[in-house]
Amino acid sequence: MSNLKNNKKKSLPSTAAGFTFIELLIVILILGIFTTIAFVRPGESMAGFNNRILLDQLIDDINYAQTSALARRETITVAFDVGADSYTVYLGPASDGNEFNGFPNGVGGVVDMNSLKLGGVDLTSANFNNSQSLQFLPTGTPLAGGSIVVNQTTLNIEPETGKCILN
Protein backbone atom coordinates (compact mmCIF):
# COMPACT_ATOMS: atom_id res chain seq x y z
CA MET A 1 0.00 0.00 0.00
CA SER A 2 2.88 2.35 0.71
CA ASN A 3 4.24 1.78 -2.82
CA LEU A 4 0.95 3.00 -4.18
CA LYS A 5 1.28 6.30 -2.40
CA ASN A 6 4.83 6.74 -3.59
CA ASN A 7 3.87 6.07 -7.22
CA LYS A 8 1.58 9.10 -7.33
CA LYS A 9 3.27 12.08 -8.87
CA LYS A 10 3.17 15.17 -6.77
CA SER A 11 2.38 18.26 -8.79
CA LEU A 12 3.92 21.49 -7.68
CA PRO A 13 2.42 24.85 -8.59
CA SER A 14 4.09 26.47 -11.56
CA THR A 15 5.77 29.80 -10.99
CA ALA A 16 4.44 31.05 -14.36
CA ALA A 17 0.74 30.50 -13.54
CA GLY A 18 -1.36 33.57 -12.58
CA PHE A 19 -0.50 37.18 -11.91
CA THR A 20 1.80 38.65 -9.35
CA PHE A 21 0.50 41.02 -6.72
CA ILE A 22 2.31 43.94 -8.37
CA GLU A 23 0.71 43.20 -11.75
CA LEU A 24 -2.75 43.16 -10.18
CA LEU A 25 -2.09 46.47 -8.41
CA ILE A 26 -0.98 48.11 -11.66
CA VAL A 27 -4.10 46.91 -13.51
CA ILE A 28 -6.38 48.16 -10.71
CA LEU A 29 -4.58 51.50 -10.67
CA ILE A 30 -4.99 51.93 -14.43
CA LEU A 31 -8.71 51.04 -14.25
CA GLY A 32 -9.15 53.55 -11.42
CA ILE A 33 -7.55 56.31 -13.50
CA PHE A 34 -9.79 55.56 -16.50
CA THR A 35 -12.89 55.50 -14.28
CA THR A 36 -11.98 58.84 -12.74
CA ILE A 37 -11.46 60.41 -16.16
CA ALA A 38 -14.81 59.04 -17.37
CA PHE A 39 -16.76 60.47 -14.43
CA VAL A 40 -14.95 63.76 -13.94
CA ARG A 41 -14.43 65.68 -17.14
CA PRO A 42 -12.03 68.58 -16.72
CA GLY A 43 -13.74 71.96 -17.12
CA GLU A 44 -17.25 70.53 -17.07
CA SER A 45 -19.43 70.80 -13.99
CA MET A 46 -22.04 68.25 -13.03
CA ALA A 47 -24.75 70.64 -14.22
CA GLY A 48 -23.08 70.77 -17.64
CA PHE A 49 -22.86 66.99 -17.69
CA ASN A 50 -26.57 66.66 -16.80
CA ASN A 51 -27.47 69.27 -19.42
CA ARG A 52 -25.64 67.26 -22.07
CA ILE A 53 -27.51 64.09 -21.05
CA LEU A 54 -30.82 65.99 -21.23
CA LEU A 55 -30.03 67.29 -24.73
CA ASP A 56 -28.90 63.84 -25.87
CA GLN A 57 -32.20 62.40 -24.61
CA LEU A 58 -34.16 65.09 -26.45
CA ILE A 59 -32.23 64.38 -29.67
CA ASP A 60 -32.85 60.63 -29.25
CA ASP A 61 -36.58 61.23 -28.78
CA ILE A 62 -36.76 63.45 -31.88
CA ASN A 63 -34.88 60.82 -33.90
CA TYR A 64 -37.23 58.12 -32.56
CA ALA A 65 -40.26 60.17 -33.59
CA GLN A 66 -38.80 60.65 -37.08
CA THR A 67 -37.99 56.95 -37.44
CA SER A 68 -41.47 56.02 -36.19
CA ALA A 69 -43.08 58.27 -38.80
CA LEU A 70 -41.10 56.56 -41.53
CA ALA A 71 -41.68 53.03 -40.20
CA ARG A 72 -45.41 53.50 -39.57
CA ARG A 73 -45.91 55.59 -42.71
CA GLU A 74 -47.91 58.13 -40.78
CA THR A 75 -47.43 61.62 -39.42
CA ILE A 76 -45.84 61.89 -35.97
CA THR A 77 -46.01 65.21 -34.10
CA VAL A 78 -43.87 66.36 -31.16
CA ALA A 79 -45.72 69.24 -29.46
CA PHE A 80 -43.62 71.25 -26.98
CA ASP A 81 -45.15 72.85 -23.87
CA VAL A 82 -42.71 75.58 -22.82
CA GLY A 83 -44.60 76.39 -19.61
CA ALA A 84 -44.55 72.80 -18.36
CA ASP A 85 -41.04 71.94 -19.64
CA SER A 86 -42.48 68.93 -21.43
CA TYR A 87 -43.46 67.63 -24.83
CA THR A 88 -46.20 65.33 -26.05
CA VAL A 89 -45.82 62.93 -28.96
CA TYR A 90 -48.88 62.32 -31.12
CA LEU A 91 -49.75 59.84 -33.83
CA GLY A 92 -50.93 62.19 -36.54
CA PRO A 93 -51.39 65.92 -36.04
CA ALA A 94 -51.55 67.22 -32.47
CA SER A 95 -55.07 68.52 -33.16
CA ASP A 96 -56.29 64.90 -33.46
CA GLY A 97 -55.27 64.29 -29.82
CA ASN A 98 -54.09 60.73 -30.51
CA GLU A 99 -51.18 60.47 -28.05
CA PHE A 100 -48.35 58.05 -28.82
CA ASN A 101 -48.70 55.58 -25.92
CA GLY A 102 -45.56 53.59 -25.29
CA PHE A 103 -43.24 56.39 -26.40
CA PRO A 104 -39.89 55.95 -24.56
CA ASN A 105 -39.50 58.13 -21.44
CA GLY A 106 -43.12 59.17 -21.75
CA VAL A 107 -46.29 58.45 -19.87
CA GLY A 108 -49.27 58.44 -22.21
CA GLY A 109 -47.16 60.14 -24.87
CA VAL A 110 -46.08 62.97 -22.53
CA VAL A 111 -42.39 63.38 -21.71
CA ASP A 112 -41.85 65.56 -18.63
CA MET A 113 -38.27 66.77 -18.93
CA ASN A 114 -38.10 67.37 -15.16
CA SER A 115 -38.98 63.73 -14.46
CA LEU A 116 -35.62 62.71 -15.97
CA LYS A 117 -34.05 64.02 -12.72
CA LEU A 118 -31.17 65.75 -14.42
CA GLY A 119 -31.37 69.01 -12.51
CA GLY A 120 -33.20 72.18 -13.40
CA VAL A 121 -34.77 72.18 -16.84
CA ASP A 122 -35.77 75.36 -18.61
CA LEU A 123 -37.45 74.76 -21.93
CA THR A 124 -37.29 78.37 -23.11
CA SER A 125 -38.71 78.10 -26.62
CA ALA A 126 -39.67 75.82 -29.46
CA ASN A 127 -40.25 77.36 -32.87
CA PHE A 128 -41.07 75.48 -36.07
CA ASN A 129 -42.39 77.97 -38.60
CA ASN A 130 -44.31 79.89 -35.88
CA SER A 131 -45.54 76.67 -34.27
CA GLN A 132 -44.42 74.85 -31.13
CA SER A 133 -44.91 71.50 -32.85
CA LEU A 134 -42.35 69.52 -34.78
CA GLN A 135 -44.20 67.38 -37.27
CA PHE A 136 -42.68 64.49 -39.23
CA LEU A 137 -44.47 63.43 -42.40
CA PRO A 138 -44.88 59.74 -43.34
CA THR A 139 -41.69 60.05 -45.41
CA GLY A 140 -39.72 60.97 -42.26
CA THR A 141 -39.12 64.55 -43.40
CA PRO A 142 -40.12 67.40 -41.10
CA LEU A 143 -42.97 69.68 -42.16
CA ALA A 144 -40.71 72.60 -41.17
CA GLY A 145 -37.32 72.97 -39.57
CA GLY A 146 -36.81 75.06 -36.48
CA SER A 147 -35.15 75.32 -33.11
CA ILE A 148 -35.57 74.38 -29.47
CA VAL A 149 -33.86 76.26 -26.64
CA VAL A 150 -33.23 74.25 -23.45
CA ASN A 151 -31.09 75.56 -20.58
CA GLN A 152 -29.65 78.29 -22.83
CA THR A 153 -28.56 75.74 -25.45
CA THR A 154 -30.10 75.87 -28.91
CA LEU A 155 -30.94 72.69 -30.78
CA ASN A 156 -31.62 73.27 -34.49
CA ILE A 157 -33.66 70.82 -36.56
CA GLU A 158 -32.81 70.91 -40.27
CA PRO A 159 -35.86 71.48 -42.52
CA GLU A 160 -34.98 68.91 -45.22
CA THR A 161 -33.52 66.04 -43.20
CA GLY A 162 -34.69 66.54 -39.61
CA LYS A 163 -31.08 66.30 -38.47
CA CYS A 164 -30.48 67.75 -34.98
CA ILE A 165 -27.55 70.17 -34.62
CA LEU A 166 -26.43 71.63 -31.28
CA ASN A 167 -25.23 75.24 -31.23
C-alpha atoms as a PDB file:
ATOM      1  CA  MET A   1       0.000   0.000   0.000  1.00  0.00           C
ATOM      2  CA  SER A   2       2.880   2.351   0.710  1.00  0.00           C
ATOM      3  CA  ASN A   3       4.235   1.784  -2.819  1.00  0.00           C
ATOM      4  CA  LEU A   4       0.954   3.002  -4.182  1.00  0.00           C
ATOM      5  CA  LYS A   5       1.279   6.299  -2.402  1.00  0.00           C
ATOM      6  CA  ASN A   6       4.832   6.743  -3.592  1.00  0.00           C
ATOM      7  CA  ASN A   7       3.871   6.071  -7.216  1.00  0.00           C
ATOM      8  CA  LYS A   8       1.582   9.103  -7.326  1.00  0.00           C
ATOM      9  CA  LYS A   9       3.271  12.077  -8.870  1.00  0.00           C
ATOM     10  CA  LYS A  10       3.166  15.169  -6.773  1.00  0.00           C
ATOM     11  CA  SER A  11       2.381  18.257  -8.794  1.00  0.00           C
ATOM     12  CA  LEU A  12       3.923  21.489  -7.678  1.00  0.00           C
ATOM     13  CA  PRO A  13       2.418  24.852  -8.590  1.00  0.00           C
ATOM     14  CA  SER A  14       4.087  26.475 -11.564  1.00  0.00           C
ATOM     15  CA  THR A  15       5.773  29.796 -10.989  1.00  0.00           C
ATOM     16  CA  ALA A  16       4.435  31.051 -14.362  1.00  0.00           C
ATOM     17  CA  ALA A  17       0.737  30.503 -13.538  1.00  0.00           C
ATOM     18  CA  GLY A  18      -1.357  33.566 -12.579  1.00  0.00           C
ATOM     19  CA  PHE A  19      -0.503  37.184 -11.911  1.00  0.00           C
ATOM     20  CA  THR A  20       1.802  38.648  -9.354  1.00  0.00           C
ATOM     21  CA  PHE A  21       0.498  41.020  -6.724  1.00  0.00           C
ATOM     22  CA  ILE A  22       2.314  43.941  -8.370  1.00  0.00           C
ATOM     23  CA  GLU A  23       0.710  43.203 -11.751  1.00  0.00           C
ATOM     24  CA  LEU A  24      -2.745  43.161 -10.176  1.00  0.00           C
ATOM     25  CA  LEU A  25      -2.089  46.472  -8.410  1.00  0.00           C
ATOM     26  CA  ILE A  26      -0.979  48.106 -11.659  1.00  0.00           C
ATOM     27  CA  VAL A  27      -4.100  46.914 -13.514  1.00  0.00           C
ATOM     28  CA  ILE A  28      -6.384  48.156 -10.710  1.00  0.00           C
ATOM     29  CA  LEU A  29      -4.580  51.501 -10.670  1.00  0.00           C
ATOM     30  CA  ILE A  30      -4.991  51.931 -14.430  1.00  0.00           C
ATOM     31  CA  LEU A  31      -8.706  51.039 -14.250  1.00  0.00           C
ATOM     32  CA  GLY A  32      -9.146  53.554 -11.424  1.00  0.00           C
ATOM     33  CA  ILE A  33      -7.553  56.308 -13.502  1.00  0.00           C
ATOM     34  CA  PHE A  34      -9.792  55.558 -16.498  1.00  0.00           C
ATOM     35  CA  THR A  35     -12.888  55.504 -14.282  1.00  0.00           C
ATOM     36  CA  THR A  36     -11.984  58.844 -12.736  1.00  0.00           C
ATOM     37  CA  ILE A  37     -11.458  60.410 -16.158  1.00  0.00           C
ATOM     38  CA  ALA A  38     -14.808  59.041 -17.369  1.00  0.00           C
ATOM     39  CA  PHE A  39     -16.762  60.465 -14.432  1.00  0.00           C
ATOM     40  CA  VAL A  40     -14.952  63.762 -13.937  1.00  0.00           C
ATOM     41  CA  ARG A  41     -14.432  65.678 -17.135  1.00  0.00           C
ATOM     42  CA  PRO A  42     -12.030  68.577 -16.725  1.00  0.00           C
ATOM     43  CA  GLY A  43     -13.737  71.957 -17.121  1.00  0.00           C
ATOM     44  CA  GLU A  44     -17.253  70.533 -17.070  1.00  0.00           C
ATOM     45  CA  SER A  45     -19.428  70.802 -13.992  1.00  0.00           C
ATOM     46  CA  MET A  46     -22.042  68.252 -13.027  1.00  0.00           C
ATOM     47  CA  ALA A  47     -24.754  70.637 -14.219  1.00  0.00           C
ATOM     48  CA  GLY A  48     -23.082  70.772 -17.640  1.00  0.00           C
ATOM     49  CA  PHE A  49     -22.862  66.993 -17.693  1.00  0.00           C
ATOM     50  CA  ASN A  50     -26.573  66.658 -16.798  1.00  0.00           C
ATOM     51  CA  ASN A  51     -27.466  69.271 -19.418  1.00  0.00           C
ATOM     52  CA  ARG A  52     -25.642  67.257 -22.070  1.00  0.00           C
ATOM     53  CA  ILE A  53     -27.513  64.086 -21.047  1.00  0.00           C
ATOM     54  CA  LEU A  54     -30.817  65.992 -21.232  1.00  0.00           C
ATOM     55  CA  LEU A  55     -30.028  67.285 -24.729  1.00  0.00           C
ATOM     56  CA  ASP A  56     -28.899  63.836 -25.871  1.00  0.00           C
ATOM     57  CA  GLN A  57     -32.201  62.400 -24.607  1.00  0.00           C
ATOM     58  CA  LEU A  58     -34.165  65.086 -26.455  1.00  0.00           C
ATOM     59  CA  ILE A  59     -32.229  64.379 -29.668  1.00  0.00           C
ATOM     60  CA  ASP A  60     -32.846  60.633 -29.252  1.00  0.00           C
ATOM     61  CA  ASP A  61     -36.579  61.230 -28.776  1.00  0.00           C
ATOM     62  CA  ILE A  62     -36.757  63.448 -31.875  1.00  0.00           C
ATOM     63  CA  ASN A  63     -34.882  60.816 -33.898  1.00  0.00           C
ATOM     64  CA  TYR A  64     -37.228  58.125 -32.563  1.00  0.00           C
ATOM     65  CA  ALA A  65     -40.263  60.168 -33.590  1.00  0.00           C
ATOM     66  CA  GLN A  66     -38.799  60.648 -37.078  1.00  0.00           C
ATOM     67  CA  THR A  67     -37.994  56.950 -37.437  1.00  0.00           C
ATOM     68  CA  SER A  68     -41.474  56.019 -36.188  1.00  0.00           C
ATOM     69  CA  ALA A  69     -43.084  58.268 -38.803  1.00  0.00           C
ATOM     70  CA  LEU A  70     -41.104  56.564 -41.528  1.00  0.00           C
ATOM     71  CA  ALA A  71     -41.676  53.027 -40.203  1.00  0.00           C
ATOM     72  CA  ARG A  72     -45.412  53.496 -39.569  1.00  0.00           C
ATOM     73  CA  ARG A  73     -45.908  55.589 -42.706  1.00  0.00           C
ATOM     74  CA  GLU A  74     -47.913  58.132 -40.783  1.00  0.00           C
ATOM     75  CA  THR A  75     -47.432  61.622 -39.424  1.00  0.00           C
ATOM     76  CA  ILE A  76     -45.839  61.893 -35.970  1.00  0.00           C
ATOM     77  CA  THR A  77     -46.007  65.208 -34.096  1.00  0.00           C
ATOM     78  CA  VAL A  78     -43.875  66.360 -31.159  1.00  0.00           C
ATOM     79  CA  ALA A  79     -45.719  69.242 -29.457  1.00  0.00           C
ATOM     80  CA  PHE A  80     -43.625  71.246 -26.979  1.00  0.00           C
ATOM     81  CA  ASP A  81     -45.151  72.853 -23.872  1.00  0.00           C
ATOM     82  CA  VAL A  82     -42.712  75.582 -22.815  1.00  0.00           C
ATOM     83  CA  GLY A  83     -44.601  76.393 -19.611  1.00  0.00           C
ATOM     84  CA  ALA A  84     -44.553  72.801 -18.357  1.00  0.00           C
ATOM     85  CA  ASP A  85     -41.045  71.945 -19.641  1.00  0.00           C
ATOM     86  CA  SER A  86     -42.482  68.925 -21.430  1.00  0.00           C
ATOM     87  CA  TYR A  87     -43.462  67.625 -24.830  1.00  0.00           C
ATOM     88  CA  THR A  88     -46.195  65.327 -26.048  1.00  0.00           C
ATOM     89  CA  VAL A  89     -45.820  62.926 -28.955  1.00  0.00           C
ATOM     90  CA  TYR A  90     -48.885  62.318 -31.118  1.00  0.00           C
ATOM     91  CA  LEU A  91     -49.747  59.836 -33.829  1.00  0.00           C
ATOM     92  CA  GLY A  92     -50.934  62.189 -36.543  1.00  0.00           C
ATOM     93  CA  PRO A  93     -51.395  65.922 -36.041  1.00  0.00           C
ATOM     94  CA  ALA A  94     -51.555  67.219 -32.467  1.00  0.00           C
ATOM     95  CA  SER A  95     -55.069  68.518 -33.165  1.00  0.00           C
ATOM     96  CA  ASP A  96     -56.291  64.900 -33.456  1.00  0.00           C
ATOM     97  CA  GLY A  97     -55.273  64.293 -29.824  1.00  0.00           C
ATOM     98  CA  ASN A  98     -54.089  60.727 -30.512  1.00  0.00           C
ATOM     99  CA  GLU A  99     -51.176  60.466 -28.053  1.00  0.00           C
ATOM    100  CA  PHE A 100     -48.347  58.048 -28.824  1.00  0.00           C
ATOM    101  CA  ASN A 101     -48.701  55.585 -25.925  1.00  0.00           C
ATOM    102  CA  GLY A 102     -45.555  53.586 -25.293  1.00  0.00           C
ATOM    103  CA  PHE A 103     -43.239  56.386 -26.403  1.00  0.00           C
ATOM    104  CA  PRO A 104     -39.886  55.950 -24.562  1.00  0.00           C
ATOM    105  CA  ASN A 105     -39.498  58.128 -21.435  1.00  0.00           C
ATOM    106  CA  GLY A 106     -43.122  59.169 -21.751  1.00  0.00           C
ATOM    107  CA  VAL A 107     -46.288  58.448 -19.867  1.00  0.00           C
ATOM    108  CA  GLY A 108     -49.268  58.441 -22.211  1.00  0.00           C
ATOM    109  CA  GLY A 109     -47.160  60.140 -24.871  1.00  0.00           C
ATOM    110  CA  VAL A 110     -46.081  62.969 -22.530  1.00  0.00           C
ATOM    111  CA  VAL A 111     -42.390  63.380 -21.706  1.00  0.00           C
ATOM    112  CA  ASP A 112     -41.855  65.560 -18.626  1.00  0.00           C
ATOM    113  CA  MET A 113     -38.267  66.772 -18.926  1.00  0.00           C
ATOM    114  CA  ASN A 114     -38.098  67.369 -15.162  1.00  0.00           C
ATOM    115  CA  SER A 115     -38.976  63.725 -14.458  1.00  0.00           C
ATOM    116  CA  LEU A 116     -35.624  62.711 -15.967  1.00  0.00           C
ATOM    117  CA  LYS A 117     -34.053  64.024 -12.716  1.00  0.00           C
ATOM    118  CA  LEU A 118     -31.166  65.747 -14.416  1.00  0.00           C
ATOM    119  CA  GLY A 119     -31.370  69.015 -12.509  1.00  0.00           C
ATOM    120  CA  GLY A 120     -33.202  72.185 -13.398  1.00  0.00           C
ATOM    121  CA  VAL A 121     -34.768  72.180 -16.836  1.00  0.00           C
ATOM    122  CA  ASP A 122     -35.774  75.363 -18.605  1.00  0.00           C
ATOM    123  CA  LEU A 123     -37.452  74.763 -21.931  1.00  0.00           C
ATOM    124  CA  THR A 124     -37.287  78.374 -23.112  1.00  0.00           C
ATOM    125  CA  SER A 125     -38.705  78.102 -26.616  1.00  0.00           C
ATOM    126  CA  ALA A 126     -39.672  75.819 -29.462  1.00  0.00           C
ATOM    127  CA  ASN A 127     -40.253  77.365 -32.874  1.00  0.00           C
ATOM    128  CA  PHE A 128     -41.069  75.480 -36.068  1.00  0.00           C
ATOM    129  CA  ASN A 129     -42.388  77.974 -38.601  1.00  0.00           C
ATOM    130  CA  ASN A 130     -44.310  79.886 -35.883  1.00  0.00           C
ATOM    131  CA  SER A 131     -45.544  76.668 -34.269  1.00  0.00           C
ATOM    132  CA  GLN A 132     -44.421  74.851 -31.131  1.00  0.00           C
ATOM    133  CA  SER A 133     -44.915  71.497 -32.854  1.00  0.00           C
ATOM    134  CA  LEU A 134     -42.349  69.524 -34.784  1.00  0.00           C
ATOM    135  CA  GLN A 135     -44.197  67.379 -37.274  1.00  0.00           C
ATOM    136  CA  PHE A 136     -42.678  64.486 -39.230  1.00  0.00           C
ATOM    137  CA  LEU A 137     -44.467  63.434 -42.399  1.00  0.00           C
ATOM    138  CA  PRO A 138     -44.881  59.741 -43.337  1.00  0.00           C
ATOM    139  CA  THR A 139     -41.692  60.047 -45.412  1.00  0.00           C
ATOM    140  CA  GLY A 140     -39.725  60.972 -42.260  1.00  0.00           C
ATOM    141  CA  THR A 141     -39.115  64.550 -43.404  1.00  0.00           C
ATOM    142  CA  PRO A 142     -40.124  67.400 -41.101  1.00  0.00           C
ATOM    143  CA  LEU A 143     -42.967  69.678 -42.157  1.00  0.00           C
ATOM    144  CA  ALA A 144     -40.708  72.597 -41.166  1.00  0.00           C
ATOM    145  CA  GLY A 145     -37.322  72.971 -39.567  1.00  0.00           C
ATOM    146  CA  GLY A 146     -36.813  75.062 -36.478  1.00  0.00           C
ATOM    147  CA  SER A 147     -35.147  75.322 -33.111  1.00  0.00           C
ATOM    148  CA  ILE A 148     -35.573  74.379 -29.471  1.00  0.00           C
ATOM    149  CA  VAL A 149     -33.859  76.257 -26.642  1.00  0.00           C
ATOM    150  CA  VAL A 150     -33.232  74.249 -23.454  1.00  0.00           C
ATOM    151  CA  ASN A 151     -31.093  75.564 -20.581  1.00  0.00           C
ATOM    152  CA  GLN A 152     -29.651  78.294 -22.829  1.00  0.00           C
ATOM    153  CA  THR A 153     -28.561  75.744 -25.446  1.00  0.00           C
ATOM    154  CA  THR A 154     -30.098  75.867 -28.915  1.00  0.00           C
ATOM    155  CA  LEU A 155     -30.940  72.689 -30.779  1.00  0.00           C
ATOM    156  CA  ASN A 156     -31.621  73.268 -34.486  1.00  0.00           C
ATOM    157  CA  ILE A 157     -33.663  70.824 -36.557  1.00  0.00           C
ATOM    158  CA  GLU A 158     -32.813  70.914 -40.268  1.00  0.00           C
ATOM    159  CA  PRO A 159     -35.858  71.481 -42.520  1.00  0.00           C
ATOM    160  CA  GLU A 160     -34.984  68.911 -45.218  1.00  0.00           C
ATOM    161  CA  THR A 161     -33.524  66.043 -43.203  1.00  0.00           C
ATOM    162  CA  GLY A 162     -34.690  66.542 -39.612  1.00  0.00           C
ATOM    163  CA  LYS A 163     -31.081  66.302 -38.472  1.00  0.00           C
ATOM    164  CA  CYS A 164     -30.479  67.746 -34.976  1.00  0.00           C
ATOM    165  CA  ILE A 165     -27.553  70.169 -34.616  1.00  0.00           C
ATOM    166  CA  LEU A 166     -26.435  71.634 -31.283  1.00  0.00           C
ATOM    167  CA  ASN A 167     -25.231  75.245 -31.234  1.00  0.00           C
END
